[in-house]
Structure formats: structure tokens, C-alpha cells
C-alpha atoms as a PDB file:
ATOM      1  CA  UNK A   1       0.247   6.575  13.475  1.00  0.00           C
ATOM      2  CA  UNK A   2       0.788   3.356  11.543  1.00  0.00           C
ATOM      3  CA  UNK A   3      -0.690   0.006  10.609  1.00  0.00           C
ATOM      4  CA  UNK A   4      -2.996  -1.635  13.133  1.00  0.00           C
ATOM      5  CA  UNK A   5      -4.072  -5.265  13.061  1.00  0.00           C
ATOM      6  CA  UNK A   6      -7.145  -5.127  15.242  1.00  0.00           C
ATOM      7  CA  UNK A   7     -10.635  -3.719  15.456  1.00  0.00           C
ATOM      8  CA  UNK A   8     -12.022  -1.142  13.052  1.00  0.00           C
ATOM      9  CA  UNK A   9     -12.509   2.330  14.502  1.00  0.00           C
ATOM     10  CA  UNK A  10     -13.536   5.627  12.946  1.00  0.00           C
ATOM     11  CA  UNK A  11     -10.202   7.338  13.585  1.00  0.00           C
ATOM     12  CA  UNK A  12      -8.830   5.059  10.846  1.00  0.00           C
ATOM     13  CA  UNK A  13     -11.071   6.775   8.277  1.00  0.00           C
ATOM     14  CA  UNK A  14      -9.727   9.635   6.141  1.00  0.00           C
ATOM     15  CA  UNK A  15     -11.195  11.994   3.568  1.00  0.00           C
ATOM     16  CA  UNK A  16      -9.401  13.709   0.702  1.00  0.00           C
ATOM     17  CA  UNK A  17     -10.114  17.387   0.007  1.00  0.00           C
ATOM     18  CA  UNK A  18      -8.748  18.902  -3.193  1.00  0.00           C
ATOM     19  CA  UNK A  19      -6.593  21.958  -2.500  1.00  0.00           C
ATOM     20  CA  UNK A  20      -7.931  24.835  -4.562  1.00  0.00           C
ATOM     21  CA  UNK A  21      -6.975  27.709  -2.264  1.00  0.00           C
ATOM     22  CA  UNK A  22      -3.199  27.689  -2.755  1.00  0.00           C
ATOM     23  CA  UNK A  23      -1.956  29.338  -5.977  1.00  0.00           C
ATOM     24  CA  UNK A  24       1.559  28.003  -5.319  1.00  0.00           C
ATOM     25  CA  UNK A  25       0.325  24.481  -6.099  1.00  0.00           C
ATOM     26  CA  UNK A  26      -1.882  23.211  -8.898  1.00  0.00           C
ATOM     27  CA  UNK A  27      -5.167  21.401  -8.322  1.00  0.00           C
ATOM     28  CA  UNK A  28      -3.470  18.002  -8.163  1.00  0.00           C
ATOM     29  CA  UNK A  29      -2.839  18.342  -4.423  1.00  0.00           C
ATOM     30  CA  UNK A  30      -5.059  17.191  -1.550  1.00  0.00           C
ATOM     31  CA  UNK A  31      -5.330  17.579   2.186  1.00  0.00           C
ATOM     32  CA  UNK A  32      -6.113  14.333   3.992  1.00  0.00           C
ATOM     33  CA  UNK A  33      -8.444  14.831   6.992  1.00  0.00           C
ATOM     34  CA  UNK A  34      -9.180  12.396   9.798  1.00  0.00           C
ATOM     35  CA  UNK A  35     -12.810  11.358  10.363  1.00  0.00           C
ATOM     36  CA  UNK A  36     -12.864  11.526  14.173  1.00  0.00           C
ATOM     37  CA  UNK A  37     -10.609  14.592  14.400  1.00  0.00           C
ATOM     38  CA  UNK A  38     -11.852  16.760  11.506  1.00  0.00           C
ATOM     39  CA  UNK A  39      -9.296  19.544  12.002  1.00  0.00           C
ATOM     40  CA  UNK A  40      -6.396  17.056  11.925  1.00  0.00           C
ATOM     41  CA  UNK A  41      -4.627  16.663   8.621  1.00  0.00           C
ATOM     42  CA  UNK A  42      -1.854  14.312   7.537  1.00  0.00           C
ATOM     43  CA  UNK A  43       1.405  16.273   7.426  1.00  0.00           C
ATOM     44  CA  UNK A  44       5.063  15.724   6.455  1.00  0.00           C
ATOM     45  CA  UNK A  45       7.339  18.125   8.345  1.00  0.00           C
ATOM     46  CA  UNK A  46      10.766  16.758   7.414  1.00  0.00           C
ATOM     47  CA  UNK A  47      12.766  14.519   5.110  1.00  0.00           C
ATOM     48  CA  UNK A  48      13.178  11.566   7.483  1.00  0.00           C
ATOM     49  CA  UNK A  49      10.798   8.613   7.116  1.00  0.00           C
ATOM     50  CA  UNK A  50       9.396   9.245  10.609  1.00  0.00           C
ATOM     51  CA  UNK A  51       8.848  12.974  10.078  1.00  0.00           C
ATOM     52  CA  UNK A  52       5.127  12.786   9.407  1.00  0.00           C
ATOM     53  CA  UNK A  53       1.871  12.384  11.281  1.00  0.00           C
ATOM     54  CA  UNK A  54      -1.237  14.428  11.949  1.00  0.00           C
ATOM     55  CA  UNK A  55      -1.511  18.111  12.769  1.00  0.00           C
ATOM     56  CA  UNK A  56      -4.580  19.920  14.083  1.00  0.00           C
ATOM     57  CA  UNK A  57      -3.418  23.524  13.638  1.00  0.00           C
ATOM     58  CA  UNK A  58      -3.511  25.971  10.760  1.00  0.00           C
ATOM     59  CA  UNK A  59      -3.285  24.744   7.183  1.00  0.00           C
ATOM     60  CA  UNK A  60       0.169  24.752   5.625  1.00  0.00           C
ATOM     61  CA  UNK A  61       2.036  23.480   2.595  1.00  0.00           C
ATOM     62  CA  UNK A  62       3.445  20.544   4.583  1.00  0.00           C
ATOM     63  CA  UNK A  63      -0.078  19.077   4.584  1.00  0.00           C
ATOM     64  CA  UNK A  64      -0.489  18.956   0.795  1.00  0.00           C
ATOM     65  CA  UNK A  65      -0.281  15.563  -0.881  1.00  0.00           C
ATOM     66  CA  UNK A  66      -0.262  14.638  -4.558  1.00  0.00           C
ATOM     67  CA  UNK A  67      -1.479  11.186  -5.551  1.00  0.00           C
ATOM     68  CA  UNK A  68       0.869   9.563  -8.049  1.00  0.00           C
ATOM     69  CA  UNK A  69       0.952   6.025  -9.437  1.00  0.00           C
ATOM     70  CA  UNK A  70       3.513   3.849  -7.699  1.00  0.00           C
ATOM     71  CA  UNK A  71       4.456   2.318 -11.044  1.00  0.00           C
ATOM     72  CA  UNK A  72       2.984   1.600 -14.464  1.00  0.00           C
ATOM     73  CA  UNK A  73       1.913  -1.936 -15.187  1.00  0.00           C
ATOM     74  CA  UNK A  74       3.208  -3.534 -18.360  1.00  0.00           C
ATOM     75  CA  UNK A  75      -0.189  -5.026 -19.191  1.00  0.00           C
ATOM     76  CA  UNK A  76      -2.640  -2.169 -19.032  1.00  0.00           C
ATOM     77  CA  UNK A  77      -5.528  -4.164 -20.471  1.00  0.00           C
ATOM     78  CA  UNK A  78      -6.979  -4.530 -16.977  1.00  0.00           C
ATOM     79  CA  UNK A  79      -8.281  -1.345 -15.425  1.00  0.00           C
ATOM     80  CA  UNK A  80     -10.429  -2.084 -12.422  1.00  0.00           C
ATOM     81  CA  UNK A  81     -11.607   0.807 -10.309  1.00  0.00           C
ATOM     82  CA  UNK A  82     -13.673   0.340  -7.195  1.00  0.00           C
ATOM     83  CA  UNK A  83     -14.472   2.324  -4.048  1.00  0.00           C
ATOM     84  CA  UNK A  84     -12.008   1.819  -1.225  1.00  0.00           C
ATOM     85  CA  UNK A  85     -13.429   0.657   2.074  1.00  0.00           C
ATOM     86  CA  UNK A  86     -11.055  -0.195   4.881  1.00  0.00           C
ATOM     87  CA  UNK A  87     -13.619  -2.246   6.774  1.00  0.00           C
END
């Protein structure tokens, strides 16, 4: 898994599903599912940078992701929100 500089294919598409079934985490966490492999979720199974990928098995806490801002802009007068389309 990684960046690809070539044709567009559906296995590059992902959907975000809010995690509401795990009382250990609040509702700010998501599972990220692949379009072509709907049981495959993005997972992080270790601390190393390369210890992540997709997993098609049972749901677990290593597949929960929280979206956080990378940083706060100094000039917050511009707030532009648009749908993301990777095509």
C-alpha cells in the first residue's frame, strides 16, 4: 500500500464508517474500508512506520482511526470545505 502515480482504479477508493459499537472509544473514531475489498479495513498493528496496511478479518481496535488536524493555520479567515475526489 502506498502512493501510486498511474491510472485510477477502484481499489484506491476508501469509505469512512463512524465507530459507534465500541464503548472503549468515543464516537470520534472511524474504520476506513476499501471500495473493491469491502471487508478490508486500514489497520495499524505496531509502532513502526511500516506497521500498517489492510486487514480483511474481524474488526479490532487496531483498525480505529481518529481524524485530527495536522496543524492550525494562523489565518483562519479562509475556511474552504469541498468534497474529496481522488480522480
